[in-house]
Amino acid sequence: MKARMMRLPIVFCFSICAVLIVAAVATAAPIEDFKVEDGIVLVLDESNFDSAISTFDHIFVDFYAPWCGHCKRLAPELDKAAAIVAESKDAIVIAKMDAEKYRRLADKYDVDGYPTLKIFIHGVAMDYYGPRKADLLVRYLKKFVAPDVATLDSDSAIKEFVEGAGTFFPIYLGFGLDESAISKLAVKYKKKAWFAVANKFSEDVMFQYDFDKSPALVSIHPTYNEQNIFYGPFEEEFIDTFITQNFLPPAVPMNHDTLKILKDDQRKIVLTIVEDELEEKSRNLIKLLKAAASANRDLVFGYVGVKQWGEFADSFGNNGKKNLPRSVVWDGDEEYHVVSGSERMEEEDQGTQISQFLEGFRAERTDKRKISGPSFMSFINSLIGVRLVYILVFLVGVFMLIQSICKEEPLTVGTRDSVDHTTTTTTAHEGERARDKED
């Protein structure tokens, strides 16, 4: 009995040690355990995927297909990006996985087009819609590992922060502003903007950023060379409004990137359609739209050139260049409003015409219409055009083929009906996936 009691603690100790060893092996997943291509991009598969996304706090994953042309063009950019990340010592990992070969994992993360790019932050997947050139991609990814609010203590620190932030995201600088005033909002909008506070700065900085007193919150959008200043009140509600209204410039050029940002904006969009955005007369009109936007913050003012994105412009009943420029009010989805008496904008005194257009809209002197093209989300999620037509033609052809087979041969109970139903369902499912997530 005594011997058995002595053996029991020994067995118990061995059991505890075994459990600890197994736990240590299970939780530890050093980089050496992952396959590395050329010492740069981690190659993931079913054996190491879960370990990778749980081990690394920030991991960028390219779900690719070997036959995909877009994937082949992206691959060298990812190699360059991984090398840049390695040199900068940022805690970001670049990885890729053959989604055709490992369909179970691909389906788990809703991969239905190639390439599908995702960022895993502490194991949570987030779709990536940012730039794909190596240097811009790395700059975009650095946003996710940066502090929510940077603290800057000199003019040189301010300069380095702004230059390091790049041009893809807007920047919000709080001069003489307590960090606590924007810390919650910085977390809320971490994926959309850079935030910093500076309590030590010179008059040269005040002149550079065009503010004459502090505290002041300055918004900078390097892409559009736009800058705005907010002097308060510094309550969360008002700061939040200022931040969201300055994610984009006062007059927004319509493209796929800006539409992605606008999908979360609940305001209606005053959309002005011109022949060519780059023409001098169009540039002059855009200046007037910016002025109108500053006085009408409850609306988004956007513009698009037929030459730049004719497909999008034509969705709003554009009947040729002779009717341009013209403005409509878009709800961001499938409907837009035409203001009675303001169907077309003349070249003379366009500022007054914009004011009359807005007065007519607010007075509800409008005609509601449906856009003739795809909806808002369709413009965001796909490049619409000839490829969509090809897919639709293919689906119609398959459907007609199935119908002809059904008519030519008699059905056998329990066989043909099942086969045709499965084929139709599969084809429709593949068509939907191609439309929704075509690169």
Protein backbone atom coordinates (compact mmCIF):
# COMPACT_ATOMS: atom_id res chain seq x y z
CA MET A 1 0.00 0.00 0.00
CA LYS A 2 2.81 2.37 0.94
CA ALA A 3 4.69 1.52 -2.25
CA ARG A 4 1.57 2.18 -4.32
CA MET A 5 1.13 5.57 -2.64
CA MET A 6 4.73 6.43 -3.46
CA ARG A 7 4.28 5.39 -7.09
CA LEU A 8 1.16 7.53 -7.47
CA PRO A 9 2.91 10.93 -7.06
CA ILE A 10 5.63 9.76 -9.46
CA VAL A 11 3.06 8.83 -12.12
CA PHE A 12 1.21 12.07 -11.47
CA CYS A 13 4.42 14.11 -11.94
CA PHE A 14 5.23 12.33 -15.20
CA SER A 15 1.67 13.05 -16.42
CA ILE A 16 1.96 16.74 -15.57
CA CYS A 17 5.31 16.96 -17.35
CA ALA A 18 3.90 15.25 -20.42
CA VAL A 19 0.96 17.66 -20.54
CA LEU A 20 3.29 20.67 -20.21
CA ILE A 21 5.56 19.38 -22.98
CA VAL A 22 2.64 18.76 -25.32
CA ALA A 23 1.21 22.22 -24.57
CA ALA A 24 4.56 23.85 -25.20
CA VAL A 25 4.95 22.06 -28.53
CA ALA A 26 1.40 22.93 -29.53
CA THR A 27 1.65 26.61 -28.73
CA ALA A 28 5.17 27.25 -29.98
CA ALA A 29 5.34 27.75 -33.72
CA PRO A 30 8.63 29.37 -34.60
CA ILE A 31 9.26 30.66 -38.09
CA GLU A 32 11.63 27.77 -38.70
CA ASP A 33 8.62 25.40 -38.69
CA PHE A 34 7.16 27.11 -41.75
CA LYS A 35 8.32 26.61 -45.31
CA VAL A 36 9.99 29.74 -46.65
CA GLU A 37 10.46 30.57 -50.31
CA ASP A 38 13.79 32.28 -50.96
CA GLY A 39 13.83 33.30 -47.32
CA ILE A 40 11.04 35.80 -47.97
CA VAL A 41 7.41 34.67 -48.31
CA LEU A 42 6.00 32.05 -45.97
CA VAL A 43 4.31 29.18 -47.79
CA LEU A 44 1.21 28.00 -45.95
CA ASP A 45 -0.78 24.79 -46.26
CA GLU A 46 -3.27 22.80 -44.18
CA SER A 47 -0.55 21.60 -41.80
CA ASN A 48 0.68 25.01 -40.68
CA PHE A 49 -2.01 27.58 -41.55
CA ASP A 50 -3.78 27.65 -38.18
CA SER A 51 -0.47 27.74 -36.32
CA ALA A 52 0.72 30.66 -38.46
CA ILE A 53 -2.29 32.92 -37.92
CA SER A 54 -2.28 32.17 -34.17
CA THR A 55 1.49 32.70 -33.83
CA PHE A 56 1.87 35.97 -35.70
CA ASP A 57 -0.11 39.01 -34.56
CA HIS A 58 -0.17 40.49 -38.07
CA ILE A 59 0.04 38.21 -41.10
CA PHE A 60 -0.86 39.12 -44.67
CA VAL A 61 -2.03 36.12 -46.72
CA ASP A 62 -2.32 35.85 -50.49
CA PHE A 63 -4.83 33.13 -51.44
CA TYR A 64 -3.79 32.39 -55.01
CA ALA A 65 -4.30 29.92 -57.85
CA PRO A 66 -1.29 28.69 -59.88
CA TRP A 67 -3.04 29.41 -63.20
CA CYS A 68 -4.20 32.95 -62.28
CA GLY A 69 -2.51 35.70 -64.32
CA HIS A 70 -3.17 38.39 -61.70
CA CYS A 71 -1.62 36.13 -59.06
CA LYS A 72 1.50 35.65 -61.15
CA ARG A 73 1.91 39.41 -61.53
CA LEU A 74 1.38 39.93 -57.81
CA ALA A 75 3.92 37.29 -56.70
CA PRO A 76 7.10 39.35 -57.34
CA GLU A 77 5.55 42.35 -55.58
CA LEU A 78 4.93 40.20 -52.50
CA ASP A 79 8.55 38.99 -52.57
CA LYS A 80 9.73 42.61 -52.63
CA ALA A 81 7.27 43.57 -49.88
CA ALA A 82 8.43 40.74 -47.63
CA ALA A 83 12.05 41.81 -48.11
CA ILE A 84 11.17 45.42 -47.19
CA VAL A 85 9.31 44.23 -44.08
CA ALA A 86 12.28 42.06 -43.05
CA GLU A 87 14.66 45.04 -43.31
CA SER A 88 12.35 47.34 -41.36
CA LYS A 89 11.92 44.80 -38.53
CA ASP A 90 8.17 45.48 -38.45
CA ALA A 91 6.08 42.71 -36.87
CA ILE A 92 4.36 41.80 -40.13
CA VAL A 93 4.55 38.48 -41.99
CA ILE A 94 3.87 38.08 -45.72
CA ALA A 95 2.51 34.64 -46.63
CA LYS A 96 0.70 32.84 -49.41
CA MET A 97 -1.37 29.70 -49.88
CA ASP A 98 -2.46 27.73 -52.93
CA ALA A 99 -6.23 28.08 -52.52
CA GLU A 100 -6.95 25.67 -55.37
CA LYS A 101 -5.01 22.91 -53.66
CA TYR A 102 -6.34 23.58 -50.16
CA ARG A 103 -10.00 24.23 -50.86
CA ARG A 104 -11.16 23.45 -47.32
CA LEU A 105 -9.24 26.39 -45.92
CA ALA A 106 -10.15 28.58 -48.88
CA ASP A 107 -13.86 27.91 -48.35
CA LYS A 108 -13.51 28.57 -44.62
CA TYR A 109 -12.34 32.12 -45.38
CA ASP A 110 -14.76 32.76 -48.28
CA VAL A 111 -12.12 32.68 -50.99
CA ASP A 112 -14.07 32.67 -54.26
CA GLY A 113 -11.79 34.65 -56.56
CA TYR A 114 -8.09 35.05 -57.21
CA PRO A 115 -6.12 36.53 -55.78
CA THR A 116 -8.01 37.02 -52.51
CA LEU A 117 -5.95 39.04 -50.04
CA LYS A 118 -6.57 39.07 -46.29
CA ILE A 119 -4.88 40.46 -43.21
CA PHE A 120 -5.10 38.36 -40.06
CA ILE A 121 -4.85 40.56 -36.96
CA HIS A 122 -4.54 38.44 -33.82
CA GLY A 123 -6.15 35.59 -35.74
CA VAL A 124 -9.11 37.62 -37.05
CA ALA A 125 -9.39 37.86 -40.84
CA MET A 126 -9.98 41.16 -42.61
CA ASP A 127 -10.29 41.69 -46.37
CA TYR A 128 -7.47 43.71 -47.93
CA TYR A 129 -8.39 46.20 -50.66
CA GLY A 130 -5.26 48.35 -50.54
CA PRO A 131 -2.48 48.91 -53.10
CA ARG A 132 -0.51 45.98 -54.53
CA LYS A 133 2.79 47.61 -55.40
CA ALA A 134 5.42 46.47 -52.90
CA ASP A 135 6.33 49.81 -51.31
CA LEU A 136 2.72 51.00 -51.06
CA LEU A 137 1.55 47.63 -49.76
CA VAL A 138 4.14 47.69 -46.96
CA ARG A 139 3.23 51.26 -46.05
CA TYR A 140 -0.42 50.23 -45.89
CA LEU A 141 0.36 47.22 -43.67
CA LYS A 142 2.48 49.30 -41.29
CA LYS A 143 -0.69 51.17 -40.39
CA PHE A 144 -1.95 48.10 -38.54
CA VAL A 145 1.13 47.67 -36.33
CA ALA A 146 1.59 51.37 -35.58
CA PRO A 147 0.41 52.91 -32.26
CA ASP A 148 -3.18 54.12 -32.27
CA VAL A 149 -1.98 57.66 -31.54
CA ALA A 150 1.64 58.72 -32.05
CA THR A 151 3.12 61.29 -29.66
CA LEU A 152 5.37 63.83 -31.37
CA ASP A 153 7.70 66.11 -29.40
CA SER A 154 9.52 68.18 -32.05
CA ASP A 155 9.23 69.70 -35.51
CA SER A 156 11.46 66.97 -36.92
CA ALA A 157 9.27 64.26 -35.36
CA ILE A 158 6.20 65.81 -36.99
CA LYS A 159 7.94 65.86 -40.36
CA GLU A 160 9.08 62.24 -40.06
CA PHE A 161 5.60 61.10 -39.04
CA VAL A 162 3.87 62.80 -41.97
CA GLU A 163 6.44 61.54 -44.49
CA GLY A 164 6.33 58.02 -43.07
CA ALA A 165 2.53 57.92 -43.19
CA GLY A 166 2.62 58.15 -46.98
CA THR A 167 -0.25 59.27 -49.19
CA PHE A 168 -2.80 56.45 -49.04
CA PHE A 169 -4.46 57.36 -45.70
CA PRO A 170 -5.62 60.74 -44.38
CA ILE A 171 -3.62 62.10 -41.42
CA TYR A 172 -5.03 63.79 -38.32
CA LEU A 173 -2.61 65.90 -36.26
CA GLY A 174 -3.67 67.31 -32.90
CA PHE A 175 -1.60 70.36 -32.00
CA GLY A 176 -1.73 71.15 -28.28
CA LEU A 177 -4.48 68.55 -28.02
CA ASP A 178 -4.60 65.96 -25.24
CA GLU A 179 -4.24 62.41 -26.52
CA SER A 180 -7.34 61.30 -24.59
CA ALA A 181 -9.49 63.57 -26.78
CA ILE A 182 -8.92 61.38 -29.86
CA SER A 183 -7.71 58.04 -28.45
CA LYS A 184 -11.09 56.26 -28.73
CA LEU A 185 -11.69 57.57 -32.23
CA ALA A 186 -8.14 56.61 -33.24
CA VAL A 187 -8.95 53.02 -32.29
CA LYS A 188 -12.31 53.22 -34.08
CA TYR A 189 -10.75 54.49 -37.31
CA LYS A 190 -7.35 52.81 -37.08
CA LYS A 191 -7.87 51.05 -40.40
CA LYS A 192 -8.71 54.29 -42.20
CA ALA A 193 -6.37 57.04 -40.98
CA TRP A 194 -3.20 58.04 -39.09
CA PHE A 195 -3.47 59.88 -35.77
CA ALA A 196 -0.89 61.84 -33.78
CA VAL A 197 -0.67 64.58 -31.16
CA ALA A 198 2.10 67.19 -30.90
CA ASN A 199 2.59 69.33 -27.82
CA LYS A 200 5.93 70.84 -28.83
CA PHE A 201 6.04 72.69 -32.14
CA SER A 202 7.35 75.95 -33.54
CA GLU A 203 5.66 78.88 -35.28
CA ASP A 204 7.07 77.51 -38.53
CA VAL A 205 4.91 74.43 -38.08
CA MET A 206 1.89 76.60 -37.34
CA PHE A 207 2.52 78.50 -40.56
CA GLN A 208 3.08 75.29 -42.52
CA TYR A 209 -0.19 73.72 -41.37
CA ASP A 210 -2.07 77.03 -41.46
CA PHE A 211 -3.43 77.19 -37.90
CA ASP A 212 -3.10 80.25 -35.65
CA LYS A 213 -3.97 78.88 -32.23
CA SER A 214 -4.06 75.68 -30.24
CA PRO A 215 -5.54 73.27 -29.49
CA ALA A 216 -6.27 72.53 -33.14
CA LEU A 217 -6.94 69.33 -35.05
CA VAL A 218 -5.58 69.41 -38.59
CA SER A 219 -6.66 66.92 -41.25
CA ILE A 220 -4.30 66.30 -44.16
CA HIS A 221 -5.04 64.22 -47.25
CA PRO A 222 -1.76 64.01 -49.19
CA THR A 223 -3.31 62.22 -52.19
CA TYR A 224 -5.59 65.17 -52.94
CA ASN A 225 -3.44 67.93 -51.42
CA GLU A 226 -6.31 68.84 -49.10
CA GLN A 227 -6.10 70.25 -45.58
CA ASN A 228 -8.72 71.35 -43.03
CA ILE A 229 -8.59 72.69 -39.47
CA PHE A 230 -10.89 72.07 -36.51
CA TYR A 231 -10.78 74.35 -33.46
CA GLY A 232 -13.43 72.57 -31.42
CA PRO A 233 -15.51 71.94 -29.49
CA PHE A 234 -13.33 68.95 -28.64
CA GLU A 235 -16.10 66.59 -27.62
CA GLU A 236 -16.18 63.11 -29.11
CA GLU A 237 -19.33 63.70 -31.17
CA PHE A 238 -17.94 66.79 -32.91
CA ILE A 239 -14.47 65.33 -33.41
CA ASP A 240 -16.03 62.19 -34.89
CA THR A 241 -17.99 64.28 -37.38
CA PHE A 242 -14.88 66.23 -38.40
CA ILE A 243 -12.87 63.02 -38.88
CA THR A 244 -15.48 61.24 -41.00
CA GLN A 245 -16.15 64.28 -43.15
CA ASN A 246 -12.47 64.56 -43.99
CA PHE A 247 -11.72 60.97 -44.97
CA LEU A 248 -12.09 62.29 -48.51
CA PRO A 249 -11.61 65.76 -50.06
CA PRO A 250 -14.58 68.18 -50.33
CA ALA A 251 -15.07 67.21 -53.99
CA VAL A 252 -14.46 63.49 -54.45
CA PRO A 253 -13.22 61.95 -57.73
CA MET A 254 -15.27 58.81 -58.28
CA ASN A 255 -13.24 55.64 -58.68
CA HIS A 256 -13.14 52.17 -57.13
CA ASP A 257 -11.04 53.29 -54.16
CA THR A 258 -13.28 56.22 -53.21
CA LEU A 259 -16.41 54.08 -53.60
CA LYS A 260 -15.01 51.62 -51.06
CA ILE A 261 -14.63 54.46 -48.58
CA LEU A 262 -18.06 55.90 -49.35
CA LYS A 263 -19.88 52.62 -48.76
CA ASP A 264 -19.81 53.35 -45.02
CA ASP A 265 -20.94 56.96 -45.46
CA GLN A 266 -24.69 57.46 -44.99
CA ARG A 267 -24.83 60.84 -46.75
CA LYS A 268 -26.33 61.28 -50.20
CA ILE A 269 -23.92 62.04 -53.02
CA VAL A 270 -24.22 65.09 -55.29
CA LEU A 271 -22.65 63.57 -58.40
CA THR A 272 -21.52 65.87 -61.21
CA ILE A 273 -20.77 64.24 -64.56
CA VAL A 274 -18.33 65.99 -66.90
CA GLU A 275 -16.81 65.08 -70.23
CA ASP A 276 -13.19 64.99 -69.03
CA GLU A 277 -12.03 65.61 -65.46
CA LEU A 278 -8.70 67.00 -66.67
CA GLU A 279 -10.08 69.73 -68.92
CA GLU A 280 -9.63 73.28 -67.64
CA LYS A 281 -13.36 73.99 -67.63
CA SER A 282 -13.93 70.84 -65.57
CA ARG A 283 -11.21 71.86 -63.10
CA ASN A 284 -12.89 75.24 -62.66
CA LEU A 285 -16.22 73.51 -62.02
CA ILE A 286 -14.61 71.21 -59.44
CA LYS A 287 -13.38 74.28 -57.53
CA LEU A 288 -16.97 75.50 -57.34
CA LEU A 289 -18.09 72.07 -56.13
CA LYS A 290 -15.49 72.23 -53.32
CA ALA A 291 -16.89 75.57 -52.18
CA ALA A 292 -20.42 74.16 -52.21
CA ALA A 293 -19.26 71.09 -50.26
CA SER A 294 -17.79 73.27 -47.51
CA ALA A 295 -21.20 74.90 -46.99
CA ASN A 296 -23.21 71.66 -47.28
CA ARG A 297 -21.46 69.13 -45.05
CA ASP A 298 -24.54 66.90 -44.89
CA LEU A 299 -23.91 65.91 -48.51
CA VAL A 300 -20.97 64.31 -50.33
CA PHE A 301 -19.92 66.10 -53.52
CA GLY A 302 -18.41 63.86 -56.17
CA TYR A 303 -17.50 64.09 -59.82
CA VAL A 304 -16.69 61.69 -62.63
CA GLY A 305 -15.48 62.17 -66.19
CA VAL A 306 -16.98 60.16 -69.02
CA LYS A 307 -13.46 59.84 -70.39
CA GLN A 308 -12.18 58.51 -67.04
CA TRP A 309 -15.05 56.12 -66.17
CA GLY A 310 -17.74 56.21 -68.83
CA GLU A 311 -19.40 53.02 -67.68
CA PHE A 312 -20.14 54.47 -64.27
CA ALA A 313 -21.21 57.85 -65.67
CA ASP A 314 -23.60 56.27 -68.17
CA SER A 315 -25.45 54.49 -65.35
CA PHE A 316 -27.05 57.83 -64.46
CA GLY A 317 -28.92 58.37 -67.71
CA ASN A 318 -26.12 60.17 -69.50
CA ASN A 319 -27.40 60.79 -73.04
CA GLY A 320 -24.27 61.96 -74.79
CA LYS A 321 -21.73 64.71 -74.30
CA LYS A 322 -24.09 67.46 -75.39
CA ASN A 323 -25.95 67.20 -72.06
CA LEU A 324 -22.80 67.66 -69.97
CA PRO A 325 -21.97 68.81 -67.41
CA ARG A 326 -24.96 67.66 -65.35
CA SER A 327 -25.60 66.84 -61.69
CA VAL A 328 -27.75 64.25 -59.93
CA VAL A 329 -28.21 63.26 -56.29
CA TRP A 330 -27.35 59.58 -55.74
CA ASP A 331 -28.49 57.59 -52.72
CA GLY A 332 -25.39 55.39 -52.96
CA ASP A 333 -27.36 52.38 -54.14
CA GLU A 334 -29.81 51.94 -57.00
CA GLU A 335 -31.71 55.25 -57.08
CA TYR A 336 -30.84 58.82 -57.96
CA HIS A 337 -32.71 62.12 -58.15
CA VAL A 338 -32.81 64.57 -61.05
CA VAL A 339 -33.68 68.13 -59.98
CA SER A 340 -36.39 69.71 -62.13
CA GLY A 341 -35.06 72.66 -64.11
CA SER A 342 -31.42 71.69 -63.47
CA GLU A 343 -30.99 68.82 -65.91
CA ARG A 344 -27.93 70.43 -67.50
CA MET A 345 -25.39 73.01 -66.32
CA GLU A 346 -24.53 75.89 -68.65
CA GLU A 347 -20.96 77.24 -68.80
CA GLU A 348 -21.91 80.71 -67.56
CA ASP A 349 -22.29 81.41 -63.82
CA GLN A 350 -22.05 77.79 -62.73
CA GLY A 351 -21.78 78.75 -59.05
CA THR A 352 -25.35 80.13 -59.14
CA GLN A 353 -26.55 77.02 -60.98
CA ILE A 354 -25.07 74.77 -58.28
CA SER A 355 -26.90 76.80 -55.61
CA GLN A 356 -30.17 76.51 -57.55
CA PHE A 357 -29.64 72.77 -57.94
CA LEU A 358 -29.19 72.34 -54.18
CA GLU A 359 -32.23 74.52 -53.42
CA GLY A 360 -34.33 72.42 -55.78
CA PHE A 361 -33.14 69.20 -54.16
CA ARG A 362 -33.85 70.40 -50.63
CA ALA A 363 -37.27 71.62 -51.74
CA GLU A 364 -37.88 68.11 -53.16
CA ARG A 365 -38.43 69.33 -56.72
CA THR A 366 -36.96 66.10 -57.97
CA ASP A 367 -37.66 63.13 -60.19
CA LYS A 368 -36.57 59.76 -58.79
CA ARG A 369 -34.96 57.31 -61.22
CA LYS A 370 -33.19 53.95 -61.19
CA ILE A 371 -29.56 53.63 -62.23
CA SER A 372 -29.25 51.66 -65.45
CA GLY A 373 -26.12 49.73 -64.45
CA PRO A 374 -25.04 47.59 -61.49
CA SER A 375 -25.67 48.69 -57.93
CA PHE A 376 -23.25 50.47 -55.62
CA MET A 377 -21.75 47.26 -54.20
CA SER A 378 -21.31 45.84 -57.71
CA PHE A 379 -19.16 48.81 -58.67
CA ILE A 380 -17.06 48.25 -55.56
CA ASN A 381 -16.61 44.51 -55.77
CA SER A 382 -15.83 44.02 -59.43
CA LEU A 383 -14.45 45.66 -62.53
CA ILE A 384 -17.62 45.86 -64.57
CA GLY A 385 -17.52 45.51 -68.30
CA VAL A 386 -16.93 43.05 -71.08
CA ARG A 387 -15.91 40.28 -68.69
CA LEU A 388 -19.33 40.37 -67.02
CA VAL A 389 -20.99 40.08 -70.43
CA TYR A 390 -18.85 37.04 -71.23
CA ILE A 391 -19.89 35.37 -68.01
CA LEU A 392 -23.60 36.08 -68.59
CA VAL A 393 -23.40 34.79 -72.17
CA PHE A 394 -21.69 31.64 -70.91
CA LEU A 395 -24.40 31.05 -68.29
CA VAL A 396 -27.19 31.58 -70.81
CA GLY A 397 -25.47 29.13 -73.17
CA VAL A 398 -25.18 26.48 -70.47
CA PHE A 399 -28.82 26.97 -69.49
CA MET A 400 -29.98 26.62 -73.11
CA LEU A 401 -27.83 23.51 -73.53
CA ILE A 402 -29.40 21.90 -70.47
CA GLN A 403 -32.86 22.76 -71.73
CA SER A 404 -32.15 21.22 -75.14
CA ILE A 405 -30.84 18.02 -73.53
CA CYS A 406 -33.97 17.80 -71.37
CA LYS A 407 -36.21 18.15 -74.45
CA GLU A 408 -34.31 15.71 -76.65
CA GLU A 409 -34.09 12.78 -74.22
CA PRO A 410 -36.84 11.44 -71.95
CA LEU A 411 -36.31 11.63 -68.24
CA THR A 412 -35.57 8.55 -66.24
CA VAL A 413 -37.03 8.79 -62.79
CA GLY A 414 -34.39 9.39 -60.12
CA THR A 415 -31.49 9.92 -62.57
CA ARG A 416 -31.74 12.73 -65.15
CA ASP A 417 -33.70 15.04 -62.89
CA SER A 418 -31.04 14.79 -60.18
CA VAL A 419 -28.17 15.31 -62.59
CA ASP A 420 -29.72 18.36 -64.24
CA HIS A 421 -30.58 19.94 -60.90
CA THR A 422 -27.03 19.49 -59.62
CA THR A 423 -25.51 20.86 -62.83
CA THR A 424 -27.71 23.94 -62.83
CA THR A 425 -27.05 24.66 -59.17
CA THR A 426 -23.30 24.24 -59.54
CA THR A 427 -23.17 26.41 -62.65
CA ALA A 428 -25.20 29.17 -61.05
CA HIS A 429 -23.05 29.03 -57.93
CA GLU A 430 -19.84 29.31 -59.94
CA GLY A 431 -21.29 32.18 -61.96
CA GLU A 432 -22.23 34.04 -58.81
CA ARG A 433 -18.74 33.56 -57.40
CA ALA A 434 -17.13 34.76 -60.62
CA ARG A 435 -19.29 37.88 -60.68
CA ASP A 436 -18.90 38.71 -57.02
CA LYS A 437 -15.16 38.29 -56.65
CA GLU A 438 -13.49 38.61 -60.05
CA ASP A 439 -10.14 40.33 -59.70
